[in-house]
Amino acid sequence: MDNLRWHKIEEDIPEGDFIKQVHVAGKKLCLLRNEGKVHLVQNTCPHAGGILSGGWCQQNEIVCPIHRYSYNLDNGRGAEGQGDYINIYPVREEADGLYAGFKQSLFKRFFGGD
């Protein structure tokens, strides 16, 4: 049983590599394309609350603009010694646009609702 609920990302998606803040399902997230691959991650750095969409990418990591903490774009893990991580959200491309997947609670899976 698929426990993801898919929400369309209604914002314009630039061509090429980019980093931007988007609003999806009531959440402020960081959407980016790095080396041709689209990623969706939390937008707040867990270290000191920096806005990740104001940062940059290097070596498949997003780098926070405040203290330069970095996070792997595939698994969310912080660089060695940081001991933290960011949330990564699945993204899929459909003919009508880009969609983000969010886990549903057990209650919502069994009883419905948004």
N, C-alpha and C. Protein backbone atom coordinates (compact mmCIF):
# COMPACT_ATOMS: atom_id res chain seq x y z
N MET A 1 0.84 -1.18 0.00
CA MET A 1 0.00 0.00 0.00
C MET A 1 0.89 1.25 0.00
N ASP A 2 0.67 2.13 -0.93
CA ASP A 2 1.44 3.36 -1.05
C ASP A 2 1.01 4.33 0.05
N ASN A 3 1.92 4.66 0.95
CA ASN A 3 1.55 5.57 2.03
C ASN A 3 1.95 7.01 1.73
N LEU A 4 2.15 7.35 0.46
CA LEU A 4 2.47 8.72 0.08
C LEU A 4 1.25 9.39 -0.52
N ARG A 5 1.11 10.66 -0.20
CA ARG A 5 0.10 11.48 -0.83
C ARG A 5 0.86 12.47 -1.70
N TRP A 6 0.49 12.53 -2.98
CA TRP A 6 1.22 13.34 -3.95
C TRP A 6 0.53 14.68 -4.15
N HIS A 7 1.33 15.76 -4.09
CA HIS A 7 0.83 17.12 -4.26
C HIS A 7 1.59 17.77 -5.41
N LYS A 8 0.85 18.41 -6.30
CA LYS A 8 1.49 19.09 -7.43
C LYS A 8 2.23 20.33 -6.94
N ILE A 9 3.42 20.53 -7.46
CA ILE A 9 4.20 21.74 -7.19
C ILE A 9 3.74 22.77 -8.22
N GLU A 10 3.02 23.77 -7.75
CA GLU A 10 2.36 24.72 -8.64
C GLU A 10 3.27 25.85 -9.12
N GLU A 11 4.48 25.91 -8.64
CA GLU A 11 5.38 27.01 -8.97
C GLU A 11 6.11 26.74 -10.28
N ASP A 12 6.58 27.81 -10.92
CA ASP A 12 7.35 27.66 -12.15
C ASP A 12 8.67 26.97 -11.85
N ILE A 13 9.03 26.04 -12.72
CA ILE A 13 10.27 25.29 -12.57
C ILE A 13 11.26 25.80 -13.62
N PRO A 14 12.34 26.45 -13.18
CA PRO A 14 13.32 26.99 -14.14
C PRO A 14 14.05 25.87 -14.89
N GLU A 15 14.60 26.22 -16.02
CA GLU A 15 15.46 25.30 -16.77
C GLU A 15 16.84 25.31 -16.12
N GLY A 16 17.60 24.26 -16.33
CA GLY A 16 18.96 24.19 -15.81
C GLY A 16 18.99 24.04 -14.30
N ASP A 17 20.18 24.18 -13.73
CA ASP A 17 20.34 24.06 -12.28
C ASP A 17 19.78 25.30 -11.59
N PHE A 18 19.11 25.10 -10.46
CA PHE A 18 18.53 26.21 -9.71
C PHE A 18 18.31 25.76 -8.26
N ILE A 19 18.07 26.74 -7.38
CA ILE A 19 17.63 26.51 -6.01
C ILE A 19 16.58 27.56 -5.72
N LYS A 20 15.41 27.12 -5.21
CA LYS A 20 14.37 28.09 -4.87
C LYS A 20 13.46 27.56 -3.78
N GLN A 21 12.85 28.47 -3.06
CA GLN A 21 11.84 28.11 -2.07
C GLN A 21 10.52 27.90 -2.78
N VAL A 22 9.80 26.86 -2.38
CA VAL A 22 8.47 26.59 -2.93
C VAL A 22 7.52 26.31 -1.77
N HIS A 23 6.23 26.47 -2.03
CA HIS A 23 5.19 26.14 -1.06
C HIS A 23 4.42 24.95 -1.60
N VAL A 24 4.40 23.86 -0.84
CA VAL A 24 3.70 22.64 -1.25
C VAL A 24 2.99 22.07 -0.02
N ALA A 25 1.70 21.84 -0.16
CA ALA A 25 0.91 21.23 0.93
C ALA A 25 1.09 21.97 2.25
N GLY A 26 1.14 23.30 2.19
CA GLY A 26 1.27 24.10 3.40
C GLY A 26 2.66 24.16 3.99
N LYS A 27 3.65 23.63 3.29
CA LYS A 27 5.03 23.62 3.78
C LYS A 27 5.91 24.50 2.90
N LYS A 28 6.86 25.19 3.53
CA LYS A 28 7.91 25.90 2.79
C LYS A 28 9.06 24.93 2.63
N LEU A 29 9.40 24.63 1.37
CA LEU A 29 10.45 23.66 1.08
C LEU A 29 11.47 24.25 0.12
N CYS A 30 12.56 23.55 -0.04
CA CYS A 30 13.61 23.95 -0.97
C CYS A 30 13.60 22.98 -2.15
N LEU A 31 13.31 23.51 -3.33
CA LEU A 31 13.32 22.73 -4.57
C LEU A 31 14.56 23.12 -5.34
N LEU A 32 15.27 22.12 -5.86
CA LEU A 32 16.47 22.45 -6.60
C LEU A 32 16.74 21.40 -7.67
N ARG A 33 17.48 21.82 -8.67
CA ARG A 33 18.01 20.89 -9.67
C ARG A 33 19.52 21.05 -9.62
N ASN A 34 20.19 19.94 -9.37
CA ASN A 34 21.65 19.93 -9.31
C ASN A 34 22.15 18.82 -10.22
N GLU A 35 23.00 19.18 -11.15
CA GLU A 35 23.54 18.23 -12.12
C GLU A 35 22.42 17.46 -12.82
N GLY A 36 21.35 18.16 -13.15
CA GLY A 36 20.25 17.57 -13.91
C GLY A 36 19.22 16.81 -13.11
N LYS A 37 19.43 16.63 -11.81
CA LYS A 37 18.48 15.87 -10.99
C LYS A 37 17.72 16.81 -10.06
N VAL A 38 16.38 16.63 -10.00
CA VAL A 38 15.54 17.46 -9.15
C VAL A 38 15.47 16.86 -7.75
N HIS A 39 15.58 17.74 -6.74
CA HIS A 39 15.51 17.34 -5.33
C HIS A 39 14.55 18.27 -4.61
N LEU A 40 13.89 17.74 -3.58
CA LEU A 40 13.02 18.53 -2.72
C LEU A 40 13.41 18.21 -1.28
N VAL A 41 13.81 19.24 -0.53
CA VAL A 41 14.28 19.05 0.84
C VAL A 41 13.65 20.12 1.73
N GLN A 42 13.76 19.90 3.05
CA GLN A 42 13.29 20.94 3.97
C GLN A 42 14.06 22.22 3.68
N ASN A 43 13.47 23.37 4.00
CA ASN A 43 14.11 24.63 3.66
C ASN A 43 14.87 25.25 4.83
N THR A 44 14.74 24.69 6.02
CA THR A 44 15.40 25.26 7.19
C THR A 44 16.55 24.35 7.63
N CYS A 45 17.71 24.92 7.77
CA CYS A 45 18.88 24.17 8.23
C CYS A 45 18.67 23.78 9.69
N PRO A 46 18.87 22.50 10.04
CA PRO A 46 18.67 22.08 11.43
C PRO A 46 19.73 22.61 12.39
N HIS A 47 20.83 23.10 11.87
CA HIS A 47 21.90 23.59 12.73
C HIS A 47 21.54 24.92 13.39
N ALA A 48 21.20 25.92 12.59
CA ALA A 48 20.94 27.26 13.16
C ALA A 48 19.78 27.96 12.47
N GLY A 49 18.97 27.22 11.72
CA GLY A 49 17.78 27.80 11.13
C GLY A 49 17.99 28.59 9.85
N GLY A 50 19.15 28.45 9.23
CA GLY A 50 19.39 29.13 7.96
C GLY A 50 18.44 28.64 6.88
N ILE A 51 18.21 29.47 5.88
CA ILE A 51 17.31 29.13 4.78
C ILE A 51 18.13 28.47 3.67
N LEU A 52 17.91 27.16 3.50
CA LEU A 52 18.72 26.39 2.54
C LEU A 52 18.54 26.86 1.10
N SER A 53 17.36 27.39 0.76
CA SER A 53 17.16 27.86 -0.62
C SER A 53 18.02 29.09 -0.92
N GLY A 54 18.64 29.67 0.09
CA GLY A 54 19.59 30.77 -0.11
C GLY A 54 21.02 30.29 -0.23
N GLY A 55 21.20 28.97 -0.17
CA GLY A 55 22.54 28.39 -0.23
C GLY A 55 22.95 27.99 -1.63
N TRP A 56 23.82 27.02 -1.73
CA TRP A 56 24.33 26.56 -3.02
C TRP A 56 24.60 25.06 -2.94
N CYS A 57 24.90 24.47 -4.09
CA CYS A 57 25.20 23.04 -4.16
C CYS A 57 26.66 22.84 -4.55
N GLN A 58 27.23 21.77 -3.98
CA GLN A 58 28.57 21.33 -4.38
C GLN A 58 28.69 19.86 -4.05
N GLN A 59 29.22 19.09 -4.96
CA GLN A 59 29.47 17.66 -4.77
C GLN A 59 28.25 16.91 -4.22
N ASN A 60 27.09 17.13 -4.85
CA ASN A 60 25.82 16.49 -4.50
C ASN A 60 25.36 16.81 -3.07
N GLU A 61 25.73 17.99 -2.57
CA GLU A 61 25.29 18.45 -1.26
C GLU A 61 24.75 19.86 -1.38
N ILE A 62 23.76 20.17 -0.50
CA ILE A 62 23.30 21.55 -0.39
C ILE A 62 24.02 22.16 0.80
N VAL A 63 24.46 23.40 0.63
CA VAL A 63 25.26 24.07 1.65
C VAL A 63 24.46 25.26 2.20
N CYS A 64 24.32 25.29 3.53
CA CYS A 64 23.61 26.38 4.18
C CYS A 64 24.44 27.67 4.08
N PRO A 65 23.78 28.80 3.76
CA PRO A 65 24.52 30.05 3.59
C PRO A 65 25.02 30.66 4.89
N ILE A 66 24.53 30.22 6.05
CA ILE A 66 24.94 30.85 7.31
C ILE A 66 26.27 30.30 7.83
N HIS A 67 26.31 29.01 8.17
CA HIS A 67 27.53 28.43 8.73
C HIS A 67 28.17 27.39 7.82
N ARG A 68 27.64 27.27 6.61
CA ARG A 68 28.18 26.36 5.60
C ARG A 68 28.10 24.89 5.99
N TYR A 69 27.10 24.54 6.79
CA TYR A 69 26.83 23.12 7.03
C TYR A 69 26.30 22.56 5.72
N SER A 70 26.67 21.31 5.42
CA SER A 70 26.24 20.72 4.15
C SER A 70 25.50 19.41 4.38
N TYR A 71 24.59 19.09 3.44
CA TYR A 71 23.72 17.93 3.55
C TYR A 71 23.64 17.20 2.22
N ASN A 72 23.77 15.88 2.27
CA ASN A 72 23.70 15.04 1.08
C ASN A 72 22.30 15.12 0.48
N LEU A 73 22.22 15.33 -0.83
CA LEU A 73 20.93 15.48 -1.50
C LEU A 73 20.20 14.16 -1.70
N ASP A 74 20.88 13.04 -1.59
CA ASP A 74 20.23 11.74 -1.78
C ASP A 74 19.68 11.15 -0.49
N ASN A 75 20.38 11.39 0.64
CA ASN A 75 19.92 10.77 1.89
C ASN A 75 19.70 11.76 3.02
N GLY A 76 20.04 13.03 2.84
CA GLY A 76 19.81 14.05 3.85
C GLY A 76 20.84 14.15 4.95
N ARG A 77 21.81 13.24 4.98
CA ARG A 77 22.80 13.23 6.05
C ARG A 77 23.70 14.46 6.00
N GLY A 78 23.98 14.98 7.20
CA GLY A 78 24.94 16.07 7.31
C GLY A 78 26.35 15.56 7.07
N ALA A 79 27.24 16.48 6.77
CA ALA A 79 28.65 16.11 6.55
C ALA A 79 29.20 15.46 7.81
N GLU A 80 30.28 14.71 7.66
CA GLU A 80 30.89 13.99 8.78
C GLU A 80 31.18 14.95 9.94
N GLY A 81 30.77 14.53 11.14
CA GLY A 81 31.00 15.34 12.33
C GLY A 81 29.84 16.26 12.68
N GLN A 82 28.90 16.46 11.77
CA GLN A 82 27.77 17.35 12.07
C GLN A 82 26.73 16.66 12.95
N GLY A 83 26.47 15.38 12.71
CA GLY A 83 25.52 14.65 13.52
C GLY A 83 24.08 15.06 13.32
N ASP A 84 23.75 15.59 12.16
CA ASP A 84 22.36 15.98 11.89
C ASP A 84 21.97 15.60 10.48
N TYR A 85 20.74 15.91 10.10
CA TYR A 85 20.24 15.56 8.78
C TYR A 85 19.11 16.50 8.40
N ILE A 86 18.74 16.48 7.12
CA ILE A 86 17.56 17.21 6.65
C ILE A 86 16.58 16.20 6.06
N ASN A 87 15.31 16.59 6.04
CA ASN A 87 14.29 15.75 5.44
C ASN A 87 14.34 15.87 3.92
N ILE A 88 14.24 14.72 3.27
CA ILE A 88 14.22 14.63 1.81
C ILE A 88 12.82 14.16 1.42
N TYR A 89 12.23 14.76 0.40
CA TYR A 89 10.90 14.39 -0.06
C TYR A 89 10.99 13.83 -1.48
N PRO A 90 10.28 12.74 -1.76
CA PRO A 90 10.31 12.20 -3.12
C PRO A 90 9.62 13.14 -4.11
N VAL A 91 10.15 13.16 -5.32
CA VAL A 91 9.62 14.00 -6.40
C VAL A 91 9.41 13.11 -7.61
N ARG A 92 8.32 13.33 -8.32
CA ARG A 92 8.11 12.60 -9.58
C ARG A 92 7.58 13.57 -10.62
N GLU A 93 8.04 13.34 -11.85
CA GLU A 93 7.59 14.16 -12.97
C GLU A 93 6.47 13.45 -13.70
N GLU A 94 5.39 14.18 -13.94
CA GLU A 94 4.25 13.69 -14.71
C GLU A 94 4.12 14.59 -15.93
N ALA A 95 3.25 14.20 -16.85
CA ALA A 95 3.04 15.00 -18.06
C ALA A 95 2.58 16.42 -17.74
N ASP A 96 1.83 16.58 -16.64
CA ASP A 96 1.30 17.91 -16.30
C ASP A 96 2.13 18.64 -15.25
N GLY A 97 3.28 18.12 -14.88
CA GLY A 97 4.12 18.86 -13.95
C GLY A 97 4.87 17.99 -12.96
N LEU A 98 5.37 18.63 -11.93
CA LEU A 98 6.19 18.00 -10.91
C LEU A 98 5.35 17.80 -9.65
N TYR A 99 5.52 16.63 -9.00
CA TYR A 99 4.76 16.30 -7.80
C TYR A 99 5.69 15.93 -6.66
N ALA A 100 5.28 16.30 -5.42
CA ALA A 100 6.01 15.97 -4.21
C ALA A 100 5.22 14.97 -3.40
N GLY A 101 5.91 13.97 -2.85
CA GLY A 101 5.26 12.94 -2.04
C GLY A 101 5.48 13.18 -0.56
N PHE A 102 4.38 13.06 0.21
CA PHE A 102 4.44 13.22 1.65
C PHE A 102 3.84 11.99 2.31
N LYS A 103 4.48 11.51 3.37
CA LYS A 103 3.95 10.36 4.10
C LYS A 103 2.64 10.76 4.78
N GLN A 104 1.70 9.83 4.78
CA GLN A 104 0.44 10.04 5.48
C GLN A 104 0.52 9.35 6.83
N SER A 105 -0.15 9.92 7.81
CA SER A 105 -0.22 9.26 9.11
C SER A 105 -1.07 8.00 8.99
N LEU A 106 -0.91 7.09 9.93
CA LEU A 106 -1.74 5.87 9.92
C LEU A 106 -3.22 6.22 9.96
N PHE A 107 -3.59 7.21 10.76
CA PHE A 107 -4.99 7.60 10.87
C PHE A 107 -5.53 8.02 9.50
N LYS A 108 -4.80 8.87 8.81
CA LYS A 108 -5.28 9.34 7.50
C LYS A 108 -5.32 8.22 6.47
N ARG A 109 -4.37 7.28 6.55
CA ARG A 109 -4.40 6.16 5.61
C ARG A 109 -5.65 5.32 5.78
N PHE A 110 -6.06 5.12 7.03
CA PHE A 110 -7.20 4.25 7.27
C PHE A 110 -8.54 4.97 7.25
N PHE A 111 -8.55 6.24 7.63
CA PHE A 111 -9.82 6.94 7.76
C PHE A 111 -9.99 8.10 6.79
N GLY A 112 -8.98 8.36 5.95
CA GLY A 112 -9.09 9.40 4.93
C GLY A 112 -8.78 10.78 5.49
N GLY A 113 -8.96 11.78 4.64
CA GLY A 113 -8.69 13.16 5.03
C GLY A 113 -7.39 13.65 4.44
N ASP A 114 -7.19 14.96 4.50
CA ASP A 114 -5.96 15.56 3.97
C ASP A 114 -4.93 15.73 4.99
